Amino acid sequence: MATSKIAITIDQNLLHRLDFLVKSQMFTNRSRAIQEAVTEKLDRIERSRLAQECAKLDPKFEQEMAEEGFVAEMDEWPEY
């Protein structure tokens, strides 16, 4: 994966907390810690957005769509 170098401004207290995690070997360096934090945050936003979009769906309509053609297929299934 290609990477890009960027500059950020960060609160001093947050930087101390970040450095403590690096010093404690939770992360190999500041860059890795920030990459993981940003990745996690973006993943959460995307999951939240997916949940918001799913909430817009009409469950009854979606159930009908899922079962469309299912009745015809039931007749084709062998009886056990």
Protein backbone atom coordinates (compact mmCIF):
# COMPACT_ATOMS: atom_id res chain seq x y z
CA MET A 1 0.00 0.00 0.00
CA ALA A 2 1.36 3.40 -0.96
CA THR A 3 1.72 5.91 1.82
CA SER A 4 1.86 9.69 1.90
CA LYS A 5 3.60 11.93 4.34
CA ILE A 6 1.41 14.59 5.95
CA ALA A 7 1.78 17.16 8.69
CA ILE A 8 -0.79 17.43 11.48
CA THR A 9 -1.38 19.68 14.43
CA ILE A 10 -2.18 17.84 17.63
CA ASP A 11 -3.01 18.88 21.17
CA GLN A 12 0.00 18.60 23.50
CA ASN A 13 -1.85 16.42 26.01
CA LEU A 14 -2.97 14.08 23.26
CA LEU A 15 0.61 13.90 21.98
CA HIS A 16 1.86 12.92 25.44
CA ARG A 17 -0.75 10.17 25.61
CA LEU A 18 0.24 8.99 22.15
CA ASP A 19 3.93 8.99 23.05
CA PHE A 20 3.16 6.97 26.17
CA LEU A 21 1.51 4.28 24.02
CA VAL A 22 4.51 4.22 21.71
CA LYS A 23 6.90 4.08 24.66
CA SER A 24 4.82 1.22 26.11
CA GLN A 25 5.27 -0.56 22.76
CA MET A 26 1.55 -0.61 22.02
CA PHE A 27 2.54 0.92 18.67
CA THR A 28 5.84 0.89 16.82
CA ASN A 29 5.79 4.65 16.29
CA ARG A 30 3.55 7.70 16.20
CA SER A 31 2.71 7.27 12.54
CA ARG A 32 1.49 3.72 13.04
CA ALA A 33 -0.62 4.74 16.03
CA ILE A 34 -2.23 7.59 14.10
CA GLN A 35 -2.81 5.38 11.03
CA GLU A 36 -4.61 2.80 13.15
CA ALA A 37 -6.67 5.44 14.95
CA VAL A 38 -7.76 7.07 11.69
CA THR A 39 -8.56 3.70 10.13
CA GLU A 40 -10.66 2.69 13.13
CA LYS A 41 -12.54 6.00 13.14
CA LEU A 42 -13.27 5.83 9.40
CA ASP A 43 -14.47 2.23 9.75
CA ARG A 44 -16.84 3.28 12.55
CA ILE A 45 -18.19 6.14 10.44
CA GLU A 46 -18.78 3.81 7.50
CA ARG A 47 -20.54 1.22 9.71
CA SER A 48 -22.66 3.96 11.22
CA ARG A 49 -23.53 5.27 7.77
CA LEU A 50 -24.49 1.77 6.64
CA ALA A 51 -26.73 1.40 9.69
CA GLN A 52 -28.37 4.75 8.90
CA GLU A 53 -29.03 3.69 5.32
CA CYS A 54 -30.38 0.30 6.43
CA ALA A 55 -32.76 2.05 8.82
CA LYS A 56 -34.34 3.75 5.81
CA LEU A 57 -35.35 0.42 4.30
CA ASP A 58 -38.91 -0.84 4.55
CA PRO A 59 -38.64 -4.23 6.30
CA LYS A 60 -41.90 -5.53 4.81
CA PHE A 61 -40.86 -4.64 1.27
CA GLU A 62 -37.38 -6.13 1.78
CA GLN A 63 -38.92 -9.37 3.12
CA GLU A 64 -41.22 -9.57 0.11
CA MET A 65 -38.27 -9.05 -2.22
CA ALA A 66 -36.25 -11.73 -0.42
CA GLU A 67 -39.09 -14.22 -0.67
CA GLU A 68 -39.99 -13.45 -4.27
CA GLY A 69 -39.89 -16.69 -6.17
CA PHE A 70 -39.27 -18.63 -2.97
CA VAL A 71 -42.73 -20.22 -3.02
CA ALA A 72 -42.16 -21.61 -6.51
CA GLU A 73 -38.80 -23.01 -5.42
CA MET A 74 -40.38 -24.72 -2.40
CA ASP A 75 -42.40 -26.94 -4.75
CA GLU A 76 -39.17 -28.08 -6.42
CA TRP A 77 -37.44 -29.12 -3.18
CA PRO A 78 -37.56 -32.81 -2.30
CA GLU A 79 -39.57 -33.78 0.75
CA TYR A 80 -37.54 -35.29 3.57
